[in-house]
C-alpha atoms as a PDB file:
ATOM      1  CA  UNK A   1       0.000   0.000   0.000  1.00  0.00           C
ATOM      2  CA  UNK A   2       1.485   3.346  -1.048  1.00  0.00           C
ATOM      3  CA  UNK A   3       0.516   5.406   1.958  1.00  0.00           C
ATOM      4  CA  UNK A   4       0.967   8.781   0.233  1.00  0.00           C
ATOM      5  CA  UNK A   5      -1.333   7.936  -2.684  1.00  0.00           C
ATOM      6  CA  UNK A   6      -3.872   6.291  -0.382  1.00  0.00           C
ATOM      7  CA  UNK A   7      -3.875   9.337   1.898  1.00  0.00           C
ATOM      8  CA  UNK A   8      -4.516  11.658  -1.053  1.00  0.00           C
ATOM      9  CA  UNK A   9      -7.294   9.410  -2.394  1.00  0.00           C
ATOM     10  CA  UNK A  10      -8.985   9.105   1.010  1.00  0.00           C
ATOM     11  CA  UNK A  11      -8.893  12.880   1.515  1.00  0.00           C
ATOM     12  CA  UNK A  12     -10.247  13.543  -1.976  1.00  0.00           C
ATOM     13  CA  UNK A  13     -13.088  11.112  -1.320  1.00  0.00           C
ATOM     14  CA  UNK A  14     -13.857  12.878   1.965  1.00  0.00           C
ATOM     15  CA  UNK A  15     -13.926  16.245   0.171  1.00  0.00           C
ATOM     16  CA  UNK A  16     -16.124  14.817  -2.601  1.00  0.00           C
ATOM     17  CA  UNK A  17     -18.573  13.592   0.046  1.00  0.00           C
ATOM     18  CA  UNK A  18     -18.824  16.977   1.765  1.00  0.00           C
ATOM     19  CA  UNK A  19     -16.756  16.323   4.859  1.00  0.00           C
ATOM     20  CA  UNK A  20     -14.606  19.398   4.245  1.00  0.00           C
ATOM     21  CA  UNK A  21     -17.273  21.803   2.904  1.00  0.00           C
ATOM     22  CA  UNK A  22     -17.332  23.563   6.274  1.00  0.00           C
ATOM     23  CA  UNK A  23     -14.364  24.412   8.444  1.00  0.00           C
ATOM     24  CA  UNK A  24     -13.577  21.564  10.850  1.00  0.00           C
ATOM     25  CA  UNK A  25     -11.739  22.123  14.093  1.00  0.00           C
ATOM     26  CA  UNK A  26      -8.814  20.120  15.345  1.00  0.00           C
ATOM     27  CA  UNK A  27     -10.875  19.072  18.383  1.00  0.00           C
ATOM     28  CA  UNK A  28     -13.800  17.904  16.239  1.00  0.00           C
ATOM     29  CA  UNK A  29     -11.528  15.643  14.206  1.00  0.00           C
ATOM     30  CA  UNK A  30      -9.907  14.288  17.364  1.00  0.00           C
ATOM     31  CA  UNK A  31     -13.364  13.541  18.808  1.00  0.00           C
ATOM     32  CA  UNK A  32     -14.361  11.723  15.614  1.00  0.00           C
ATOM     33  CA  UNK A  33     -11.218   9.561  15.744  1.00  0.00           C
ATOM     34  CA  UNK A  34     -11.826   8.825  19.425  1.00  0.00           C
ATOM     35  CA  UNK A  35     -15.429   7.873  18.567  1.00  0.00           C
ATOM     36  CA  UNK A  36     -14.056   5.282  16.126  1.00  0.00           C
ATOM     37  CA  UNK A  37     -11.874   3.946  18.935  1.00  0.00           C
ATOM     38  CA  UNK A  38     -14.969   3.743  21.137  1.00  0.00           C
ATOM     39  CA  UNK A  39     -16.808   1.823  18.425  1.00  0.00           C
ATOM     40  CA  UNK A  40     -13.880  -0.605  18.263  1.00  0.00           C
ATOM     41  CA  UNK A  41     -14.049  -1.075  22.035  1.00  0.00           C
ATOM     42  CA  UNK A  42     -17.817  -1.620  21.896  1.00  0.00           C
ATOM     43  CA  UNK A  43     -17.348  -4.255  19.181  1.00  0.00           C
ATOM     44  CA  UNK A  44     -15.161  -6.264  21.547  1.00  0.00           C
ATOM     45  CA  UNK A  45     -17.540  -5.671  24.471  1.00  0.00           C
ATOM     46  CA  UNK A  46     -20.635  -6.810  22.580  1.00  0.00           C
ATOM     47  CA  UNK A  47     -22.224 -10.164  23.237  1.00  0.00           C
ATOM     48  CA  UNK A  48     -21.563 -11.211  19.633  1.00  0.00           C
ATOM     49  CA  UNK A  49     -17.899 -10.192  19.773  1.00  0.00           C
ATOM     50  CA  UNK A  50     -15.668  -8.250  17.413  1.00  0.00           C
ATOM     51  CA  UNK A  51     -15.194 -11.081  14.934  1.00  0.00           C
ATOM     52  CA  UNK A  52     -18.764 -10.950  13.605  1.00  0.00           C
ATOM     53  CA  UNK A  53     -19.579  -9.435  10.232  1.00  0.00           C
ATOM     54  CA  UNK A  54     -19.807  -5.651  10.380  1.00  0.00           C
ATOM     55  CA  UNK A  55     -23.111  -3.982   9.590  1.00  0.00           C
ATOM     56  CA  UNK A  56     -21.936  -2.895   6.120  1.00  0.00           C
ATOM     57  CA  UNK A  57     -22.204  -5.024   2.961  1.00  0.00           C
ATOM     58  CA  UNK A  58     -18.443  -5.616   2.845  1.00  0.00           C
ATOM     59  CA  UNK A  59     -16.363  -8.603   3.917  1.00  0.00           C
ATOM     60  CA  UNK A  60     -15.070  -7.148   7.170  1.00  0.00           C
ATOM     61  CA  UNK A  61     -15.525  -8.070  10.778  1.00  0.00           C
ATOM     62  CA  UNK A  62     -16.416  -5.362  13.264  1.00  0.00           C
ATOM     63  CA  UNK A  63     -12.830  -5.165  14.542  1.00  0.00           C
ATOM     64  CA  UNK A  64     -11.492  -4.836  10.999  1.00  0.00           C
ATOM     65  CA  UNK A  65     -13.980  -2.151  10.016  1.00  0.00           C
ATOM     66  CA  UNK A  66     -13.515  -0.019  13.126  1.00  0.00           C
ATOM     67  CA  UNK A  67      -9.713  -0.222  13.002  1.00  0.00           C
ATOM     68  CA  UNK A  68      -9.871   0.740   9.317  1.00  0.00           C
ATOM     69  CA  UNK A  69     -12.093   3.704  10.231  1.00  0.00           C
ATOM     70  CA  UNK A  70      -9.486   4.986  12.704  1.00  0.00           C
ATOM     71  CA  UNK A  71      -6.780   4.640  10.062  1.00  0.00           C
ATOM     72  CA  UNK A  72      -8.904   6.320   7.365  1.00  0.00           C
ATOM     73  CA  UNK A  73      -9.816   9.297   9.558  1.00  0.00           C
ATOM     74  CA  UNK A  74      -6.155   9.820  10.460  1.00  0.00           C
ATOM     75  CA  UNK A  75      -5.098   9.683   6.795  1.00  0.00           C
ATOM     76  CA  UNK A  76      -7.859  12.104   5.817  1.00  0.00           C
ATOM     77  CA  UNK A  77      -6.842  14.624   8.468  1.00  0.00           C
ATOM     78  CA  UNK A  78      -3.148  14.143   7.754  1.00  0.00           C
ATOM     79  CA  UNK A  79      -3.695  15.094   4.126  1.00  0.00           C
ATOM     80  CA  UNK A  80      -5.770  18.105   5.171  1.00  0.00           C
ATOM     81  CA  UNK A  81      -2.889  19.181   7.442  1.00  0.00           C
ATOM     82  CA  UNK A  82      -0.318  18.326   4.729  1.00  0.00           C
ATOM     83  CA  UNK A  83       1.478  15.812   6.947  1.00  0.00           C
ATOM     84  CA  UNK A  84       3.253  12.840   5.430  1.00  0.00           C
ATOM     85  CA  UNK A  85       2.807   9.383   6.893  1.00  0.00           C
ATOM     86  CA  UNK A  86       5.598   7.728   4.915  1.00  0.00           C
ATOM     87  CA  UNK A  87       7.481   5.310   7.131  1.00  0.00           C
ATOM     88  CA  UNK A  88       4.738   5.187   9.741  1.00  0.00           C
ATOM     89  CA  UNK A  89       5.560   1.623  10.816  1.00  0.00           C
ATOM     90  CA  UNK A  90       9.175   2.599  11.415  1.00  0.00           C
ATOM     91  CA  UNK A  91       8.041   5.543  13.568  1.00  0.00           C
ATOM     92  CA  UNK A  92       7.751   3.273  16.611  1.00  0.00           C
ATOM     93  CA  UNK A  93       9.826   0.419  18.012  1.00  0.00           C
ATOM     94  CA  UNK A  94       7.365  -2.070  16.478  1.00  0.00           C
ATOM     95  CA  UNK A  95       8.482  -5.274  18.231  1.00  0.00           C
ATOM     96  CA  UNK A  96       8.743  -3.612  21.656  1.00  0.00           C
ATOM     97  CA  UNK A  97       5.291  -2.047  21.313  1.00  0.00           C
ATOM     98  CA  UNK A  98       3.816  -5.340  20.118  1.00  0.00           C
ATOM     99  CA  UNK A  99       5.385  -7.188  23.051  1.00  0.00           C
ATOM    100  CA  UNK A 100       3.993  -4.578  25.465  1.00  0.00           C
ATOM    101  CA  UNK A 101       0.518  -4.636  23.904  1.00  0.00           C
ATOM    102  CA  UNK A 102       0.378  -8.452  23.964  1.00  0.00           C
ATOM    103  CA  UNK A 103       0.501  -8.197  27.763  1.00  0.00           C
ATOM    104  CA  UNK A 104      -2.527  -5.879  27.808  1.00  0.00           C
ATOM    105  CA  UNK A 105      -6.212  -6.666  27.779  1.00  0.00           C
ATOM    106  CA  UNK A 106      -7.977  -5.730  24.564  1.00  0.00           C
ATOM    107  CA  UNK A 107      -9.552  -2.770  26.351  1.00  0.00           C
ATOM    108  CA  UNK A 108      -6.123  -1.505  27.373  1.00  0.00           C
ATOM    109  CA  UNK A 109      -4.847  -2.007  23.813  1.00  0.00           C
ATOM    110  CA  UNK A 110      -7.640   0.207  22.498  1.00  0.00           C
ATOM    111  CA  UNK A 111      -6.931   2.637  25.325  1.00  0.00           C
ATOM    112  CA  UNK A 112      -3.341   2.769  24.083  1.00  0.00           C
ATOM    113  CA  UNK A 113      -4.598   3.685  20.607  1.00  0.00           C
ATOM    114  CA  UNK A 114      -6.751   6.432  22.183  1.00  0.00           C
ATOM    115  CA  UNK A 115      -3.753   7.711  24.140  1.00  0.00           C
ATOM    116  CA  UNK A 116      -1.731   7.966  20.936  1.00  0.00           C
ATOM    117  CA  UNK A 117      -4.620   9.800  19.257  1.00  0.00           C
ATOM    118  CA  UNK A 118      -4.791  12.418  22.006  1.00  0.00           C
ATOM    119  CA  UNK A 119      -0.993  12.769  22.083  1.00  0.00           C
ATOM    120  CA  UNK A 120      -0.843  13.293  18.323  1.00  0.00           C
ATOM    121  CA  UNK A 121      -3.633  15.871  18.352  1.00  0.00           C
ATOM    122  CA  UNK A 122      -2.033  17.705  21.276  1.00  0.00           C
ATOM    123  CA  UNK A 123       1.071  18.175  19.152  1.00  0.00           C
ATOM    124  CA  UNK A 124       3.349  16.012  21.252  1.00  0.00           C
ATOM    125  CA  UNK A 125       3.377  13.150  18.802  1.00  0.00           C
ATOM    126  CA  UNK A 126       2.870  12.560  15.100  1.00  0.00           C
ATOM    127  CA  UNK A 127      -0.068  10.949  13.333  1.00  0.00           C
ATOM    128  CA  UNK A 128       2.359   8.250  12.211  1.00  0.00           C
ATOM    129  CA  UNK A 129       2.312   6.760  15.698  1.00  0.00           C
ATOM    130  CA  UNK A 130      -1.458   6.273  15.639  1.00  0.00           C
ATOM    131  CA  UNK A 131      -1.225   4.483  12.290  1.00  0.00           C
ATOM    132  CA  UNK A 132       1.634   2.312  13.528  1.00  0.00           C
ATOM    133  CA  UNK A 133      -0.260   1.325  16.682  1.00  0.00           C
ATOM    134  CA  UNK A 134      -3.262   0.385  14.506  1.00  0.00           C
ATOM    135  CA  UNK A 135      -0.903  -1.867  12.529  1.00  0.00           C
ATOM    136  CA  UNK A 136       0.355  -3.500  15.729  1.00  0.00           C
ATOM    137  CA  UNK A 137      -3.252  -3.966  16.869  1.00  0.00           C
ATOM    138  CA  UNK A 138      -4.245  -5.622  13.578  1.00  0.00           C
ATOM    139  CA  UNK A 139      -1.266  -7.957  13.722  1.00  0.00           C
ATOM    140  CA  UNK A 140      -2.075  -8.951  17.305  1.00  0.00           C
ATOM    141  CA  UNK A 141      -5.698  -9.621  16.360  1.00  0.00           C
ATOM    142  CA  UNK A 142      -4.874 -11.545  13.190  1.00  0.00           C
ATOM    143  CA  UNK A 143      -6.145  -9.416  10.342  1.00  0.00           C
ATOM    144  CA  UNK A 144      -4.710  -7.459   7.446  1.00  0.00           C
ATOM    145  CA  UNK A 145      -5.018  -3.757   8.152  1.00  0.00           C
ATOM    146  CA  UNK A 146      -4.197  -2.975   4.526  1.00  0.00           C
ATOM    147  CA  UNK A 147      -7.042  -5.172   3.271  1.00  0.00           C
ATOM    148  CA  UNK A 148      -9.471  -3.674   5.783  1.00  0.00           C
ATOM    149  CA  UNK A 149      -8.545  -0.092   4.907  1.00  0.00           C
ATOM    150  CA  UNK A 150      -8.763  -0.697   1.168  1.00  0.00           C
ATOM    151  CA  UNK A 151     -12.145  -2.457   1.432  1.00  0.00           C
ATOM    152  CA  UNK A 152     -13.618   0.208   3.711  1.00  0.00           C
ATOM    153  CA  UNK A 153     -12.266   3.013   1.544  1.00  0.00           C
ATOM    154  CA  UNK A 154     -13.833   1.453  -1.567  1.00  0.00           C
ATOM    155  CA  UNK A 155     -17.124   1.117   0.298  1.00  0.00           C
ATOM    156  CA  UNK A 156     -16.922   4.761   1.429  1.00  0.00           C
ATOM    157  CA  UNK A 157     -16.567   5.908  -2.180  1.00  0.00           C
ATOM    158  CA  UNK A 158     -20.119   4.720  -2.888  1.00  0.00           C
ATOM    159  CA  UNK A 159     -21.734   6.174   0.225  1.00  0.00           C
ATOM    160  CA  UNK A 160     -24.089   9.155   0.178  1.00  0.00           C
ATOM    161  CA  UNK A 161     -23.100  12.745   0.952  1.00  0.00           C
ATOM    162  CA  UNK A 162     -21.604  12.868   4.464  1.00  0.00           C
ATOM    163  CA  UNK A 163     -22.787   9.272   4.780  1.00  0.00           C
ATOM    164  CA  UNK A 164     -26.225  10.684   5.593  1.00  0.00           C
ATOM    165  CA  UNK A 165     -24.935  12.386   8.773  1.00  0.00           C
ATOM    166  CA  UNK A 166     -24.753  16.016   9.937  1.00  0.00           C
ATOM    167  CA  UNK A 167     -20.973  16.026  10.574  1.00  0.00           C
END
């Protein structure tokens, strides 16, 4: 996956669907990313579990879809802010982080993603770290993040204006 081209394509799709017609604040975007993290947590907390088919007509489980949504929102905002995410996996000590996260409960793993989101939006970190932690999470939970992101992005291209939402 060429991250630069994907980032540009995701942002263009978001603009085409009206997400950038109005000015969006830094805090609003952070809240939207955190809401995706919350949806990921709820997928694991649900009685059915996170491995069930998501509620969209695409071949993704809930955990795959929600992790892809986090990744997609970060790429969209990164392009808006003109921030490169090249080398995102190398931005963290991958094996050390994976080893640490393997010792955590799934709730704590998602909490770690949320922590990285807030750090990156507070300016003390880069967006690359959020993407890299999503990659670690997908590897721990046995799915291809690249596949999930590409499938969800293709699905998003066919969705209605603002996906039928206000913001």
